Amino acid sequence: MHPLVVGDTQDLRWWLVAQATNCDILEPQWLRNEIESTVAESLERIRSGKIDSA
């Protein structure tokens, strides 16, 4: 395990979602919850077939 401390940015959140299968968010808990929620919403959207074709 390689702990890393970084600043909170939108780019960080994008990267965490993109790397969700390759990394663990240990803390802060609120960020872990937020990324978990984002990934869960994405998975639900895919499973339901409700994909926007914008």
PDB file of N, CA and C in Angstrom:
ATOM      1  N   MET A   1       0.848  -1.162   0.000  1.00  0.00           N
ATOM      2  CA  MET A   1       0.000   0.000   0.000  1.00  0.00           C
ATOM      3  C   MET A   1       0.902   1.236   0.000  1.00  0.00           C
ATOM      4  N   HIS A   2       0.488   2.241  -0.791  1.00  0.00           N
ATOM      5  CA  HIS A   2       1.237   3.484  -0.896  1.00  0.00           C
ATOM      6  C   HIS A   2       0.313   4.656  -0.572  1.00  0.00           C
ATOM      7  N   PRO A   3       0.267   5.083   0.694  1.00  0.00           N
ATOM      8  CA  PRO A   3      -0.595   6.217   1.052  1.00  0.00           C
ATOM      9  C   PRO A   3      -0.154   7.476   0.308  1.00  0.00           C
ATOM     10  N   LEU A   4      -1.126   8.296  -0.027  1.00  0.00           N
ATOM     11  CA  LEU A   4      -0.861   9.515  -0.766  1.00  0.00           C
ATOM     12  C   LEU A   4      -1.788  10.611  -0.261  1.00  0.00           C
ATOM     13  N   VAL A   5      -1.264  11.785  -0.047  1.00  0.00           N
ATOM     14  CA  VAL A   5      -2.063  12.927   0.376  1.00  0.00           C
ATOM     15  C   VAL A   5      -2.086  13.921  -0.779  1.00  0.00           C
ATOM     16  N   VAL A   6      -3.289  14.291  -1.212  1.00  0.00           N
ATOM     17  CA  VAL A   6      -3.442  15.208  -2.347  1.00  0.00           C
ATOM     18  C   VAL A   6      -4.529  16.229  -2.041  1.00  0.00           C
ATOM     19  N   GLY A   7      -4.548  17.309  -2.815  1.00  0.00           N
ATOM     20  CA  GLY A   7      -5.580  18.334  -2.663  1.00  0.00           C
ATOM     21  C   GLY A   7      -6.893  17.885  -3.293  1.00  0.00           C
ATOM     22  N   ASP A   8      -7.988  18.439  -2.814  1.00  0.00           N
ATOM     23  CA  ASP A   8      -9.316  18.106  -3.310  1.00  0.00           C
ATOM     24  C   ASP A   8      -9.638  18.955  -4.541  1.00  0.00           C
ATOM     25  N   THR A   9      -9.664  18.313  -5.710  1.00  0.00           N
ATOM     26  CA  THR A   9     -10.002  19.008  -6.948  1.00  0.00           C
ATOM     27  C   THR A   9     -10.971  18.150  -7.758  1.00  0.00           C
ATOM     28  N   GLN A  10     -11.602  18.753  -8.744  1.00  0.00           N
ATOM     29  CA  GLN A  10     -12.491  18.005  -9.635  1.00  0.00           C
ATOM     30  C   GLN A  10     -11.690  16.975 -10.431  1.00  0.00           C
ATOM     31  N   ASP A  11     -10.468  17.318 -10.799  1.00  0.00           N
ATOM     32  CA  ASP A  11      -9.604  16.365 -11.510  1.00  0.00           C
ATOM     33  C   ASP A  11      -9.313  15.139 -10.653  1.00  0.00           C
ATOM     34  N   LEU A  12      -9.102  15.355  -9.363  1.00  0.00           N
ATOM     35  CA  LEU A  12      -8.878  14.226  -8.459  1.00  0.00           C
ATOM     36  C   LEU A  12     -10.089  13.313  -8.446  1.00  0.00           C
ATOM     37  N   ARG A  13     -11.269  13.893  -8.331  1.00  0.00           N
ATOM     38  CA  ARG A  13     -12.499  13.085  -8.298  1.00  0.00           C
ATOM     39  C   ARG A  13     -12.667  12.298  -9.591  1.00  0.00           C
ATOM     40  N   TRP A  14     -12.400  12.931 -10.730  1.00  0.00           N
ATOM     41  CA  TRP A  14     -12.478  12.240 -12.024  1.00  0.00           C
ATOM     42  C   TRP A  14     -11.509  11.070 -12.045  1.00  0.00           C
ATOM     43  N   TRP A  15     -10.291  11.302 -11.589  1.00  0.00           N
ATOM     44  CA  TRP A  15      -9.273  10.256 -11.596  1.00  0.00           C
ATOM     45  C   TRP A  15      -9.671   9.106 -10.674  1.00  0.00           C
ATOM     46  N   LEU A  16     -10.211   9.411  -9.491  1.00  0.00           N
ATOM     47  CA  LEU A  16     -10.621   8.366  -8.554  1.00  0.00           C
ATOM     48  C   LEU A  16     -11.723   7.499  -9.137  1.00  0.00           C
ATOM     49  N   VAL A  17     -12.690   8.112  -9.804  1.00  0.00           N
ATOM     50  CA  VAL A  17     -13.760   7.336 -10.434  1.00  0.00           C
ATOM     51  C   VAL A  17     -13.176   6.471 -11.550  1.00  0.00           C
ATOM     52  N   ALA A  18     -12.286   7.042 -12.350  1.00  0.00           N
ATOM     53  CA  ALA A  18     -11.685   6.297 -13.457  1.00  0.00           C
ATOM     54  C   ALA A  18     -10.835   5.131 -12.960  1.00  0.00           C
ATOM     55  N   GLN A  19     -10.242   5.274 -11.793  1.00  0.00           N
ATOM     56  CA  GLN A  19      -9.352   4.243 -11.250  1.00  0.00           C
ATOM     57  C   GLN A  19     -10.007   3.419 -10.136  1.00  0.00           C
ATOM     58  N   ALA A  20     -11.319   3.435 -10.069  1.00  0.00           N
ATOM     59  CA  ALA A  20     -12.039   2.819  -8.947  1.00  0.00           C
ATOM     60  C   ALA A  20     -11.687   1.350  -8.721  1.00  0.00           C
ATOM     61  N   THR A  21     -11.366   0.629  -9.780  1.00  0.00           N
ATOM     62  CA  THR A  21     -11.027  -0.789  -9.606  1.00  0.00           C
ATOM     63  C   THR A  21      -9.565  -0.993  -9.219  1.00  0.00           C
ATOM     64  N   ASN A  22      -8.779   0.088  -9.216  1.00  0.00           N
ATOM     65  CA  ASN A  22      -7.340  -0.041  -8.970  1.00  0.00           C
ATOM     66  C   ASN A  22      -6.844   0.659  -7.718  1.00  0.00           C
ATOM     67  N   CYS A  23      -7.722   1.346  -7.000  1.00  0.00           N
ATOM     68  CA  CYS A  23      -7.257   2.066  -5.809  1.00  0.00           C
ATOM     69  C   CYS A  23      -8.333   2.055  -4.729  1.00  0.00           C
ATOM     70  N   ASP A  24      -7.905   2.298  -3.508  1.00  0.00           N
ATOM     71  CA  ASP A  24      -8.808   2.379  -2.361  1.00  0.00           C
ATOM     72  C   ASP A  24      -8.692   3.761  -1.745  1.00  0.00           C
ATOM     73  N   ILE A  25      -9.819   4.370  -1.460  1.00  0.00           N
ATOM     74  CA  ILE A  25      -9.842   5.645  -0.759  1.00  0.00           C
ATOM     75  C   ILE A  25      -9.998   5.322   0.720  1.00  0.00           C
ATOM     76  N   LEU A  26      -8.970   5.565   1.485  1.00  0.00           N
ATOM     77  CA  LEU A  26      -9.013   5.240   2.906  1.00  0.00           C
ATOM     78  C   LEU A  26      -9.628   6.358   3.727  1.00  0.00           C
ATOM     79  N   GLU A  27      -9.322   7.577   3.362  1.00  0.00           N
ATOM     80  CA  GLU A  27      -9.890   8.732   4.038  1.00  0.00           C
ATOM     81  C   GLU A  27      -9.687   9.963   3.182  1.00  0.00           C
ATOM     82  N   PRO A  28     -10.419  10.984   3.350  1.00  0.00           N
ATOM     83  CA  PRO A  28     -11.492  11.155   4.325  1.00  0.00           C
ATOM     84  C   PRO A  28     -12.732  10.351   3.943  1.00  0.00           C
ATOM     85  N   GLN A  29     -13.506   9.985   4.940  1.00  0.00           N
ATOM     86  CA  GLN A  29     -14.688   9.153   4.735  1.00  0.00           C
ATOM     87  C   GLN A  29     -15.692   9.820   3.802  1.00  0.00           C
ATOM     88  N   TRP A  30     -15.850  11.147   3.898  1.00  0.00           N
ATOM     89  CA  TRP A  30     -16.829  11.833   3.044  1.00  0.00           C
ATOM     90  C   TRP A  30     -16.464  11.707   1.563  1.00  0.00           C
ATOM     91  N   LEU A  31     -15.162  11.720   1.253  1.00  0.00           N
ATOM     92  CA  LEU A  31     -14.743  11.566  -0.139  1.00  0.00           C
ATOM     93  C   LEU A  31     -14.959  10.122  -0.591  1.00  0.00           C
ATOM     94  N   ARG A  32     -14.645   9.193   0.268  1.00  0.00           N
ATOM     95  CA  ARG A  32     -14.890   7.778  -0.031  1.00  0.00           C
ATOM     96  C   ARG A  32     -16.375   7.547  -0.329  1.00  0.00           C
ATOM     97  N   ASN A  33     -17.249   8.126   0.512  1.00  0.00           N
ATOM     98  CA  ASN A  33     -18.696   7.986   0.307  1.00  0.00           C
ATOM     99  C   ASN A  33     -19.139   8.625  -1.010  1.00  0.00           C
ATOM    100  N   GLU A  34     -18.592   9.793  -1.311  1.00  0.00           N
ATOM    101  CA  GLU A  34     -18.968  10.500  -2.535  1.00  0.00           C
ATOM    102  C   GLU A  34     -18.582   9.705  -3.789  1.00  0.00           C
ATOM    103  N   ILE A  35     -17.378   9.159  -3.810  1.00  0.00           N
ATOM    104  CA  ILE A  35     -16.941   8.375  -4.965  1.00  0.00           C
ATOM    105  C   ILE A  35     -17.747   7.080  -5.055  1.00  0.00           C
ATOM    106  N   GLU A  36     -18.014   6.452  -3.936  1.00  0.00           N
ATOM    107  CA  GLU A  36     -18.840   5.241  -3.917  1.00  0.00           C
ATOM    108  C   GLU A  36     -20.221   5.525  -4.503  1.00  0.00           C
ATOM    109  N   SER A  37     -20.807   6.640  -4.120  1.00  0.00           N
ATOM    110  CA  SER A  37     -22.116   7.020  -4.622  1.00  0.00           C
ATOM    111  C   SER A  37     -22.090   7.269  -6.129  1.00  0.00           C
ATOM    112  N   THR A  38     -21.068   7.963  -6.594  1.00  0.00           N
ATOM    113  CA  THR A  38     -20.927   8.245  -8.027  1.00  0.00           C
ATOM    114  C   THR A  38     -20.802   6.957  -8.831  1.00  0.00           C
ATOM    115  N   VAL A  39     -19.981   6.044  -8.359  1.00  0.00           N
ATOM    116  CA  VAL A  39     -19.799   4.769  -9.063  1.00  0.00           C
ATOM    117  C   VAL A  39     -21.092   3.960  -9.035  1.00  0.00           C
ATOM    118  N   ALA A  40     -21.788   3.951  -7.907  1.00  0.00           N
ATOM    119  CA  ALA A  40     -23.057   3.219  -7.796  1.00  0.00           C
ATOM    120  C   ALA A  40     -24.110   3.790  -8.742  1.00  0.00           C
ATOM    121  N   GLU A  41     -24.193   5.115  -8.826  1.00  0.00           N
ATOM    122  CA  GLU A  41     -25.149   5.747  -9.747  1.00  0.00           C
ATOM    123  C   GLU A  41     -24.829   5.401 -11.194  1.00  0.00           C
ATOM    124  N   SER A  42     -23.558   5.383 -11.537  1.00  0.00           N
ATOM    125  CA  SER A  42     -23.149   5.025 -12.898  1.00  0.00           C
ATOM    126  C   SER A  42     -23.519   3.584 -13.225  1.00  0.00           C
ATOM    127  N   LEU A  43     -23.260   2.702 -12.294  1.00  0.00           N
ATOM    128  CA  LEU A  43     -23.578   1.287 -12.501  1.00  0.00           C
ATOM    129  C   LEU A  43     -25.085   1.089 -12.645  1.00  0.00           C
ATOM    130  N   GLU A  44     -25.864   1.768 -11.831  1.00  0.00           N
ATOM    131  CA  GLU A  44     -27.324   1.664 -11.922  1.00  0.00           C
ATOM    132  C   GLU A  44     -27.814   2.165 -13.278  1.00  0.00           C
ATOM    133  N   ARG A  45     -27.250   3.256 -13.737  1.00  0.00           N
ATOM    134  CA  ARG A  45     -27.637   3.810 -15.037  1.00  0.00           C
ATOM    135  C   ARG A  45     -27.333   2.825 -16.159  1.00  0.00           C
ATOM    136  N   ILE A  46     -26.180   2.190 -16.093  1.00  0.00           N
ATOM    137  CA  ILE A  46     -25.799   1.201 -17.105  1.00  0.00           C
ATOM    138  C   ILE A  46     -26.732  -0.005 -17.044  1.00  0.00           C
ATOM    139  N   ARG A  47     -26.980  -0.515 -15.843  1.00  0.00           N
ATOM    140  CA  ARG A  47     -27.830  -1.703 -15.679  1.00  0.00           C
ATOM    141  C   ARG A  47     -29.271  -1.450 -16.099  1.00  0.00           C
ATOM    142  N   SER A  48     -29.752  -0.228 -15.914  1.00  0.00           N
ATOM    143  CA  SER A  48     -31.138   0.081 -16.233  1.00  0.00           C
ATOM    144  C   SER A  48     -31.343   0.348 -17.726  1.00  0.00           C
ATOM    145  N   GLY A  49     -30.252   0.559 -18.455  1.00  0.00           N
ATOM    146  CA  GLY A  49     -30.359   0.855 -19.876  1.00  0.00           C
ATOM    147  C   GLY A  49     -30.694   2.309 -20.150  1.00  0.00           C
ATOM    148  N   LYS A  50     -30.686   3.150 -19.117  1.00  0.00           N
ATOM    149  CA  LYS A  50     -31.029   4.576 -19.275  1.00  0.00           C
ATOM    150  C   LYS A  50     -29.763   5.385 -19.585  1.00  0.00           C
ATOM    151  N   ILE A  51     -29.237   5.156 -20.766  1.00  0.00           N
ATOM    152  CA  ILE A  51     -28.035   5.863 -21.178  1.00  0.00           C
ATOM    153  C   ILE A  51     -28.414   6.981 -22.120  1.00  0.00           C
ATOM    154  N   ASP A  52     -28.063   8.217 -21.770  1.00  0.00           N
ATOM    155  CA  ASP A  52     -28.356   9.378 -22.602  1.00  0.00           C
ATOM    156  C   ASP A  52     -27.563   9.301 -23.904  1.00  0.00           C
ATOM    157  N   SER A  53     -28.190   9.680 -24.985  1.00  0.00           N
ATOM    158  CA  SER A  53     -27.482   9.693 -26.270  1.00  0.00           C
ATOM    159  C   SER A  53     -27.357  11.131 -26.753  1.00  0.00           C
ATOM    160  N   ALA A  54     -26.926  12.002 -25.855  1.00  0.00           N
ATOM    161  CA  ALA A  54     -26.818  13.437 -26.165  1.00  0.00           C
ATOM    162  C   ALA A  54     -25.673  13.749 -27.081  1.00  0.00           C
TER     163      ALA A  54
END
